[in-house]
N, C-alpha and C. Protein backbone atom coordinates (compact mmCIF):
# COMPACT_ATOMS: atom_id res chain seq x y z
N MET A 1 2.21 -20.33 1.06
CA MET A 1 3.28 -20.19 1.03
C MET A 1 2.82 -18.81 -0.27
N VAL A 2 4.35 -17.69 0.02
CA VAL A 2 3.74 -16.75 -1.46
C VAL A 2 4.21 -17.53 -2.00
N SER A 3 4.41 -17.53 -3.59
CA SER A 3 5.59 -17.64 -4.71
C SER A 3 6.15 -16.63 -5.23
N LEU A 4 7.18 -17.05 -5.40
CA LEU A 4 8.55 -16.40 -6.10
C LEU A 4 7.92 -15.70 -7.07
N ASP A 5 7.07 -16.14 -7.75
CA ASP A 5 6.45 -15.71 -9.38
C ASP A 5 5.56 -14.58 -8.74
N LEU A 6 4.15 -14.89 -7.44
CA LEU A 6 3.72 -13.52 -7.59
C LEU A 6 4.51 -12.64 -6.70
N LEU A 7 5.57 -12.77 -6.26
CA LEU A 7 6.77 -11.50 -5.78
C LEU A 7 7.03 -10.90 -6.47
N LYS A 8 7.80 -11.72 -7.83
CA LYS A 8 8.12 -10.93 -8.89
C LYS A 8 7.06 -9.84 -9.47
N GLU A 9 5.74 -9.82 -9.60
CA GLU A 9 4.72 -8.97 -9.92
C GLU A 9 4.92 -8.10 -9.20
N ILE A 10 4.89 -7.78 -8.09
CA ILE A 10 4.50 -7.00 -7.38
C ILE A 10 5.92 -5.61 -7.10
N GLU A 11 4.55 -4.86 -7.10
CA GLU A 11 5.49 -3.24 -7.86
C GLU A 11 6.58 -2.52 -6.93
N ILE A 12 6.32 -3.09 -5.46
CA ILE A 12 7.74 -3.06 -4.46
C ILE A 12 8.73 -3.84 -4.49
N PHE A 13 8.56 -4.98 -5.25
CA PHE A 13 10.10 -5.89 -5.30
C PHE A 13 10.23 -5.58 -6.52
N LYS A 14 10.26 -5.12 -7.55
CA LYS A 14 10.41 -4.55 -8.79
C LYS A 14 11.98 -4.39 -8.96
N GLY A 15 12.61 -5.47 -9.96
CA GLY A 15 14.32 -5.20 -10.21
C GLY A 15 14.92 -6.22 -8.66
N PHE A 16 14.04 -6.75 -8.17
CA PHE A 16 14.21 -7.63 -6.81
C PHE A 16 15.35 -9.21 -7.05
N ASN A 17 16.26 -9.31 -7.10
CA ASN A 17 16.68 -10.79 -7.70
C ASN A 17 16.57 -12.07 -6.84
N TYR A 18 16.64 -13.41 -7.52
CA TYR A 18 15.81 -14.19 -6.84
C TYR A 18 16.75 -14.22 -5.43
N ASP A 19 17.77 -14.20 -4.78
CA ASP A 19 18.07 -14.17 -3.48
C ASP A 19 17.13 -13.13 -2.62
N GLN A 20 17.37 -12.08 -3.62
CA GLN A 20 16.75 -11.12 -2.63
C GLN A 20 14.72 -11.33 -2.05
N LEU A 21 14.23 -12.04 -3.46
CA LEU A 21 12.81 -11.83 -2.79
C LEU A 21 12.68 -13.63 -2.48
N VAL A 22 13.49 -14.52 -1.57
CA VAL A 22 13.61 -15.27 -1.00
C VAL A 22 13.71 -14.91 0.56
N SER A 23 14.39 -13.81 -0.06
CA SER A 23 14.42 -13.38 1.83
C SER A 23 13.37 -12.64 2.50
N VAL A 24 12.34 -12.07 1.16
CA VAL A 24 11.14 -11.73 1.99
C VAL A 24 10.32 -12.77 1.91
N GLN A 25 10.10 -13.76 1.37
CA GLN A 25 8.97 -14.80 0.70
C GLN A 25 8.86 -15.43 2.13
N LYS A 26 10.08 -15.32 3.25
CA LYS A 26 9.85 -16.52 4.02
C LYS A 26 9.14 -15.39 5.31
N TYR A 27 8.32 -13.99 4.93
CA TYR A 27 8.00 -13.24 5.64
C TYR A 27 6.60 -12.89 5.39
N CYS A 28 6.57 -13.00 4.67
CA CYS A 28 4.92 -12.76 3.29
C CYS A 28 4.27 -13.57 4.68
N GLU A 29 2.69 -13.19 4.48
CA GLU A 29 1.62 -14.10 5.36
C GLU A 29 0.36 -13.73 3.95
N LYS A 30 -0.46 -14.09 3.62
CA LYS A 30 -1.47 -14.22 3.43
C LYS A 30 -2.53 -13.95 3.89
N VAL A 31 -3.62 -12.73 3.38
CA VAL A 31 -4.71 -12.49 4.41
C VAL A 31 -6.01 -12.12 2.95
N GLN A 32 -6.82 -12.30 3.44
CA GLN A 32 -8.39 -12.15 2.96
C GLN A 32 -9.14 -11.70 3.66
N PHE A 33 -9.54 -10.88 2.61
CA PHE A 33 -11.22 -9.50 3.52
C PHE A 33 -12.58 -9.81 2.77
N LYS A 34 -12.65 -9.06 3.22
CA LYS A 34 -14.50 -9.36 2.71
C LYS A 34 -14.40 -7.62 2.60
N HIS A 35 -15.95 -7.50 1.02
CA HIS A 35 -16.14 -6.30 1.06
C HIS A 35 -16.82 -5.55 2.00
N GLU A 36 -16.29 -4.42 1.88
CA GLU A 36 -16.07 -2.99 2.74
C GLU A 36 -15.72 -3.36 4.00
N GLU A 37 -15.02 -4.80 4.27
CA GLU A 37 -13.86 -5.25 5.22
C GLU A 37 -12.98 -3.91 5.78
N LYS A 38 -12.76 -3.46 7.07
CA LYS A 38 -12.02 -2.44 6.87
C LYS A 38 -10.47 -3.15 7.48
N ILE A 39 -9.29 -2.93 6.52
CA ILE A 39 -7.96 -3.42 6.63
C ILE A 39 -7.07 -2.80 7.87
N PHE A 40 -6.76 -1.17 7.43
CA PHE A 40 -6.26 -0.31 9.27
C PHE A 40 -6.64 0.39 9.01
N SER A 41 -7.48 1.46 9.65
CA SER A 41 -7.68 2.90 9.97
C SER A 41 -6.86 3.85 10.45
N GLU A 42 -7.49 5.01 9.66
CA GLU A 42 -6.62 6.33 9.80
C GLU A 42 -5.91 6.24 11.64
N GLY A 43 -4.88 6.64 11.20
CA GLY A 43 -4.07 6.71 13.04
C GLY A 43 -3.81 5.89 13.36
N ASP A 44 -3.81 4.64 13.09
CA ASP A 44 -3.88 3.21 13.44
C ASP A 44 -1.65 3.23 13.29
N GLU A 45 -1.92 2.43 14.37
CA GLU A 45 -0.04 2.40 14.26
C GLU A 45 0.17 1.57 12.58
N ALA A 46 1.04 1.96 12.28
CA ALA A 46 1.42 0.88 10.97
C ALA A 46 1.98 0.21 10.76
N ILE A 47 2.26 -1.35 11.18
CA ILE A 47 2.80 -2.63 11.51
C ILE A 47 3.18 -3.05 10.08
N TYR A 48 2.19 -2.95 9.48
CA TYR A 48 2.04 -3.93 8.38
C TYR A 48 2.27 -3.31 7.27
N LEU A 49 3.24 -4.04 5.91
CA LEU A 49 3.20 -3.63 3.97
C LEU A 49 1.93 -4.69 4.02
N TYR A 50 1.68 -3.58 2.59
CA TYR A 50 0.16 -4.81 1.84
C TYR A 50 0.95 -5.07 0.61
N ALA A 51 0.35 -5.93 0.38
CA ALA A 51 0.40 -5.90 -1.41
C ALA A 51 -0.70 -6.84 -1.58
N VAL A 52 -2.04 -5.99 -2.73
CA VAL A 52 -3.15 -6.94 -3.29
C VAL A 52 -2.80 -7.89 -4.27
N GLU A 53 -3.06 -9.01 -3.80
CA GLU A 53 -2.79 -10.29 -4.83
C GLU A 53 -4.03 -10.07 -5.65
N SER A 54 -5.37 -10.20 -5.11
CA SER A 54 -6.46 -10.02 -6.33
C SER A 54 -7.28 -9.21 -5.44
N GLY A 55 -8.25 -9.06 -6.49
CA GLY A 55 -8.98 -7.92 -6.24
C GLY A 55 -8.90 -6.04 -6.01
N LYS A 56 -9.74 -5.03 -4.45
CA LYS A 56 -9.13 -3.48 -5.08
C LYS A 56 -9.31 -3.72 -3.89
N VAL A 57 -8.46 -2.56 -3.35
CA VAL A 57 -8.59 -2.00 -2.09
C VAL A 57 -8.90 -0.25 -2.23
N ASN A 58 -9.76 0.14 -1.40
CA ASN A 58 -10.39 1.64 -1.56
C ASN A 58 -9.13 1.78 -0.23
N LEU A 59 -8.27 3.17 -0.58
CA LEU A 59 -7.54 4.50 0.28
C LEU A 59 -9.06 5.00 0.53
N ARG A 60 -9.58 5.30 2.13
CA ARG A 60 -9.90 6.78 2.30
C ARG A 60 -10.15 7.55 3.95
N PHE A 61 -10.24 8.30 2.86
CA PHE A 61 -10.73 9.46 4.96
C PHE A 61 -11.71 8.94 5.65
N ASP A 62 -11.77 8.67 7.01
CA ASP A 62 -12.98 8.42 7.56
C ASP A 62 -13.43 9.44 7.83
N LEU A 63 -15.16 9.98 7.86
CA LEU A 63 -15.38 10.90 8.76
C LEU A 63 -15.43 10.77 10.27
N PRO A 64 -14.94 12.02 10.77
CA PRO A 64 -14.74 12.25 11.99
C PRO A 64 -15.87 12.46 13.14
N GLY A 65 -16.32 11.56 14.27
CA GLY A 65 -17.44 11.91 14.91
C GLY A 65 -17.66 10.81 15.44
N PRO A 66 -18.33 10.34 16.11
CA PRO A 66 -19.14 9.06 17.02
C PRO A 66 -20.26 9.59 15.94
N GLY A 67 -20.93 7.66 15.24
CA GLY A 67 -22.14 7.87 14.55
C GLY A 67 -21.76 7.78 13.37
N ARG A 68 -20.76 8.98 12.41
CA ARG A 68 -20.60 8.76 11.22
C ARG A 68 -20.32 7.84 10.19
N LYS A 69 -21.05 7.21 9.02
CA LYS A 69 -20.18 6.34 8.65
C LYS A 69 -19.42 6.78 7.44
N THR A 70 -18.56 5.57 7.15
CA THR A 70 -17.98 6.12 6.28
C THR A 70 -18.14 5.59 4.84
N SER A 71 -18.32 6.33 4.02
CA SER A 71 -18.48 5.89 2.21
C SER A 71 -17.29 5.81 1.05
N GLU A 72 -18.01 5.13 0.44
CA GLU A 72 -17.11 4.94 -1.06
C GLU A 72 -16.70 6.81 -1.79
N GLU A 73 -17.45 7.55 -0.87
CA GLU A 73 -17.45 8.95 -1.55
C GLU A 73 -16.54 9.17 -0.81
N ASN A 74 -16.05 8.81 -0.04
CA ASN A 74 -14.63 9.50 0.76
C ASN A 74 -13.19 8.84 0.55
N ASN A 75 -13.29 7.85 -0.66
CA ASN A 75 -11.86 7.34 -1.03
C ASN A 75 -11.55 8.63 -1.99
N ILE A 76 -10.27 8.29 -1.74
CA ILE A 76 -8.84 8.88 -2.08
C ILE A 76 -8.44 8.36 -3.51
N SER A 77 -7.94 7.11 -3.17
CA SER A 77 -7.78 6.06 -4.44
C SER A 77 -7.74 4.76 -3.98
N SER A 78 -7.66 4.08 -5.18
CA SER A 78 -7.86 2.67 -5.40
C SER A 78 -7.00 1.54 -5.64
N VAL A 79 -6.41 0.92 -5.14
CA VAL A 79 -5.34 0.13 -5.48
C VAL A 79 -5.87 -1.76 -5.87
N GLY A 80 -5.19 -1.69 -7.29
CA GLY A 80 -5.51 -3.11 -7.26
C GLY A 80 -4.38 -3.94 -7.64
N GLU A 81 -4.34 -5.16 -8.02
CA GLU A 81 -3.43 -6.45 -8.37
C GLU A 81 -2.48 -5.90 -8.71
N TYR A 82 -0.76 -6.31 -7.63
CA TYR A 82 0.60 -6.43 -7.43
C TYR A 82 0.78 -5.07 -6.95
N LYS A 83 0.10 -4.30 -6.43
CA LYS A 83 0.13 -2.83 -5.85
C LYS A 83 0.48 -2.83 -4.83
N THR A 84 1.02 -1.81 -4.27
CA THR A 84 1.53 -1.52 -2.74
C THR A 84 0.21 -0.62 -1.77
N PHE A 85 -0.21 -1.09 -0.66
CA PHE A 85 -0.23 -0.26 0.54
C PHE A 85 0.04 -0.72 1.84
N GLY A 86 -0.26 0.51 2.56
CA GLY A 86 0.21 0.53 4.01
C GLY A 86 1.54 0.72 3.70
N TRP A 87 2.07 1.55 3.11
CA TRP A 87 3.81 2.23 2.99
C TRP A 87 4.09 2.54 4.34
N SER A 88 2.75 3.49 5.20
CA SER A 88 3.39 4.37 6.15
C SER A 88 4.12 3.58 7.40
N SER A 89 3.60 1.77 6.90
CA SER A 89 4.47 1.30 8.27
C SER A 89 5.90 1.16 8.01
N MET A 90 6.66 1.91 6.77
CA MET A 90 8.30 2.08 6.45
C MET A 90 8.12 3.28 6.53
N VAL A 91 7.08 4.33 6.51
CA VAL A 91 7.80 5.56 6.62
C VAL A 91 7.30 6.74 8.52
N SER A 92 8.26 7.78 8.79
CA SER A 92 7.79 7.92 10.53
C SER A 92 6.76 9.09 9.78
N PRO A 93 5.94 8.70 10.83
CA PRO A 93 5.49 8.67 12.40
C PRO A 93 4.91 7.26 12.17
N PHE A 94 4.98 6.27 11.26
CA PHE A 94 4.74 5.29 11.09
C PHE A 94 3.06 5.00 11.77
N LYS A 95 2.19 5.66 11.42
CA LYS A 95 0.47 5.57 11.94
C LYS A 95 -0.09 5.88 10.00
N HIS A 96 -0.70 5.19 10.35
CA HIS A 96 -1.57 5.46 8.50
C HIS A 96 -1.85 6.64 8.55
N THR A 97 -2.16 7.08 7.27
CA THR A 97 -2.94 8.30 7.13
C THR A 97 -4.07 8.05 6.19
N LEU A 98 -4.49 7.49 5.71
CA LEU A 98 -6.11 6.62 5.49
C LEU A 98 -6.50 5.74 6.14
N SER A 99 -7.55 5.26 6.08
CA SER A 99 -7.89 3.74 6.19
C SER A 99 -7.77 3.22 4.70
N SER A 100 -8.30 1.84 4.92
CA SER A 100 -8.03 1.23 3.79
C SER A 100 -9.74 0.18 4.08
N TYR A 101 -9.89 -0.55 3.49
CA TYR A 101 -11.18 -1.28 2.58
C TYR A 101 -10.94 -2.09 1.26
N CYS A 102 -11.66 -3.25 1.71
CA CYS A 102 -11.78 -3.67 0.33
C CYS A 102 -12.49 -3.73 -0.02
N ALA A 103 -12.65 -3.36 -1.81
CA ALA A 103 -13.53 -2.88 -2.40
C ALA A 103 -14.67 -3.86 -3.41
N THR A 104 -13.53 -4.64 -3.64
CA THR A 104 -14.57 -6.04 -4.48
C THR A 104 -15.16 -6.78 -3.08
N MET A 105 -15.63 -7.84 -4.22
CA MET A 105 -16.48 -9.00 -2.84
C MET A 105 -15.40 -9.79 -2.22
N THR A 106 -13.94 -9.86 -2.83
CA THR A 106 -13.52 -10.35 -1.77
C THR A 106 -11.58 -9.91 -2.10
N CYS A 107 -10.95 -9.48 -1.54
CA CYS A 107 -9.30 -9.20 -1.76
C CYS A 107 -8.35 -9.69 -1.20
N LYS A 108 -7.86 -10.33 -1.67
CA LYS A 108 -6.62 -11.50 -0.98
C LYS A 108 -5.64 -10.85 -0.98
N ALA A 109 -4.89 -10.58 -0.05
CA ALA A 109 -3.42 -9.57 0.03
C ALA A 109 -2.08 -10.13 1.04
N ILE A 110 -1.39 -10.02 0.81
CA ILE A 110 -0.14 -10.41 1.25
C ILE A 110 0.55 -8.94 2.54
N ARG A 111 0.81 -9.62 3.53
CA ARG A 111 1.25 -8.59 4.15
C ARG A 111 2.77 -9.03 4.81
N ILE A 112 3.86 -8.15 5.15
CA ILE A 112 5.05 -8.47 5.85
C ILE A 112 5.09 -7.34 7.05
N HIS A 113 5.14 -7.97 8.08
CA HIS A 113 6.00 -7.13 9.34
C HIS A 113 6.18 -5.94 9.44
N LYS A 114 6.74 -5.19 9.44
CA LYS A 114 7.54 -4.12 9.21
C LYS A 114 9.10 -4.33 9.95
N ASP A 115 9.25 -4.94 10.84
CA ASP A 115 10.02 -5.41 11.30
C ASP A 115 10.92 -6.24 10.76
N LYS A 116 9.92 -7.51 10.23
CA LYS A 116 10.81 -8.58 9.53
C LYS A 116 11.69 -7.25 8.10
N LEU A 117 11.06 -6.44 7.64
CA LEU A 117 11.71 -6.08 6.26
C LEU A 117 12.83 -5.64 6.81
N LYS A 118 12.95 -4.55 8.16
CA LYS A 118 14.06 -3.68 8.47
C LYS A 118 15.18 -4.66 8.93
N LYS A 119 14.79 -6.00 8.82
CA LYS A 119 16.08 -6.88 9.46
C LYS A 119 16.28 -7.43 8.44
N ILE A 120 15.65 -7.65 7.15
CA ILE A 120 16.29 -8.32 6.25
C ILE A 120 16.95 -7.29 5.66
N PHE A 121 16.89 -5.55 5.62
CA PHE A 121 17.57 -4.65 5.29
C PHE A 121 19.04 -4.42 5.90
N LYS A 122 18.54 -4.86 6.79
CA LYS A 122 20.21 -4.62 8.14
C LYS A 122 21.20 -5.51 7.76
N GLU A 123 20.81 -6.97 7.01
CA GLU A 123 21.21 -7.75 6.20
C GLU A 123 22.19 -8.04 4.93
N ASP A 124 21.16 -6.55 4.43
CA ASP A 124 21.17 -6.79 3.23
C ASP A 124 20.90 -5.41 2.46
N SER A 125 21.95 -4.46 2.81
CA SER A 125 21.71 -2.98 2.41
C SER A 125 21.52 -2.68 0.94
N MET A 126 21.92 -3.53 0.07
CA MET A 126 21.70 -3.30 -1.50
C MET A 126 19.85 -3.99 -1.49
N THR A 127 19.29 -5.04 -0.76
CA THR A 127 18.20 -4.98 -0.48
C THR A 127 17.20 -3.69 -0.19
N GLY A 128 17.34 -3.00 0.94
CA GLY A 128 17.02 -2.01 0.98
C GLY A 128 17.12 -0.80 0.39
N TYR A 129 18.06 -0.60 -0.07
CA TYR A 129 18.33 0.13 -0.66
C TYR A 129 17.28 0.01 -2.09
N LEU A 130 16.69 -1.12 -3.07
CA LEU A 130 16.18 -1.26 -3.64
C LEU A 130 14.65 -0.79 -3.63
N PHE A 131 14.69 -1.21 -2.21
CA PHE A 131 13.21 -1.41 -1.46
C PHE A 131 12.82 0.35 -1.64
N MET A 132 13.35 0.88 -1.13
CA MET A 132 13.65 2.39 -0.75
C MET A 132 13.21 3.02 -2.05
N MET A 133 13.83 2.78 -3.25
CA MET A 133 13.95 3.02 -4.59
C MET A 133 12.78 2.97 -4.95
N ASN A 134 12.07 1.54 -4.71
CA ASN A 134 10.78 1.62 -5.21
C ASN A 134 9.80 2.19 -4.88
N LEU A 135 9.89 2.09 -3.05
CA LEU A 135 8.87 2.69 -2.18
C LEU A 135 8.56 4.34 -2.90
N SER A 136 9.96 5.34 -3.07
CA SER A 136 9.51 6.63 -3.53
C SER A 136 9.29 6.69 -4.47
N GLU A 137 9.58 5.95 -5.77
CA GLU A 137 8.63 5.77 -6.92
C GLU A 137 7.22 5.71 -6.54
N ILE A 138 6.88 4.90 -6.21
CA ILE A 138 5.54 4.32 -5.41
C ILE A 138 4.61 5.82 -4.61
N ILE A 139 5.31 6.13 -3.79
CA ILE A 139 4.50 7.29 -2.95
C ILE A 139 4.75 8.54 -3.68
N GLY A 140 5.73 8.36 -4.77
CA GLY A 140 5.71 9.95 -5.80
C GLY A 140 4.42 10.03 -6.90
N GLN A 141 3.84 8.27 -7.17
CA GLN A 141 3.07 8.16 -8.42
C GLN A 141 1.81 8.09 -7.70
N ARG A 142 1.54 8.13 -6.24
CA ARG A 142 0.14 7.73 -6.07
C ARG A 142 -0.07 10.07 -5.45
N PHE A 143 1.33 10.60 -5.10
CA PHE A 143 0.81 11.93 -4.73
C PHE A 143 0.46 12.51 -6.02
N HIS A 144 1.41 11.81 -7.06
CA HIS A 144 0.74 12.86 -8.57
C HIS A 144 -1.00 12.21 -8.85
N LEU A 145 -1.13 11.10 -8.83
CA LEU A 145 -2.74 10.60 -9.08
C LEU A 145 -3.24 11.72 -8.19
N ILE A 146 -3.24 11.83 -7.41
CA ILE A 146 -3.89 12.45 -6.33
C ILE A 146 -4.51 13.76 -6.28
N GLN A 147 -3.00 14.58 -6.66
CA GLN A 147 -2.92 15.91 -6.84
C GLN A 147 -3.50 16.23 -8.32
N GLU A 148 -3.76 14.70 -9.34
CA GLU A 148 -4.40 15.17 -10.66
C GLU A 148 -5.79 15.25 -10.23
N ALA A 149 -6.33 14.58 -9.07
CA ALA A 149 -7.96 13.90 -8.81
C ALA A 149 -8.05 14.78 -8.57
N LEU A 150 -7.60 15.84 -7.38
CA LEU A 150 -8.25 17.09 -6.69
C LEU A 150 -8.00 18.02 -8.04
N ALA A 151 -7.06 18.25 -8.89
CA ALA A 151 -7.45 18.86 -9.21
C ALA A 151 -8.63 19.13 -10.45
N VAL A 152 -8.74 18.01 -10.94
CA VAL A 152 -9.95 17.54 -11.98
C VAL A 152 -11.08 17.97 -11.03
N SER A 153 -11.42 17.91 -9.63
CA SER A 153 -12.59 17.99 -8.47
C SER A 153 -12.50 19.58 -8.66
N LYS A 154 -11.24 20.20 -8.78
CA LYS A 154 -11.62 21.70 -8.46
C LYS A 154 -11.85 22.54 -9.62
N GLY A 155 -11.39 21.97 -10.71
CA GLY A 155 -11.92 22.87 -12.29
C GLY A 155 -10.47 23.35 -12.70
N PHE A 156 -9.40 23.09 -12.54
CA PHE A 156 -7.77 23.18 -12.59
C PHE A 156 -7.42 22.40 -13.42
N ASP A 157 -6.63 23.34 -14.25
CA ASP A 157 -5.63 22.65 -15.88
C ASP A 157 -4.39 22.61 -15.02
N ILE A 158 -3.82 21.44 -14.18
CA ILE A 158 -2.66 21.11 -14.10
C ILE A 158 -1.56 21.41 -14.75
N LEU A 159 -1.72 20.80 -15.43
CA LEU A 159 -1.07 21.00 -17.31
C LEU A 159 -0.72 22.41 -17.59
N HIS A 160 -1.79 23.44 -17.35
CA HIS A 160 -1.40 24.66 -17.60
C HIS A 160 -1.51 25.91 -16.26
N SER A 161 -1.85 25.42 -15.39
CA SER A 161 -1.59 26.17 -13.91
C SER A 161 0.37 26.65 -13.91
N TRP A 162 1.26 26.33 -14.34
CA TRP A 162 2.20 26.51 -13.68
C TRP A 162 2.43 28.11 -14.53
């Protein structure tokens, strides 16, 4: 079982009270992956929300076409401990926009089925509201990091380009 202390550390559950964490805890499942093991693929139906317990996960574009291999060169970002990934499960069209791979020797993660989360939110709209506020902050942060990385790779000074 996933501990409440661990759930408190995970960014998507920031600000959740004891009862809210307990409602989430009963639906958490621990999973483990090996180095370079694919967790989900770009374009797959997004069913689970994940949070990294230990290790690191790389998010990347896979090269199209038969026989083309993916590599770390295609990484868009990395997700470390207590960070959330797979949030496409909570946002329409519910398809993963990137693939995810274990970036360390092993990765331990928590996953929660999106339907279980929606059930919690239906029963307690305040929990759903707090979750969605945290999710919007996470998406905004990730977008900003990707935007900065793209600007650096293209040689733009993002702070002075306005």
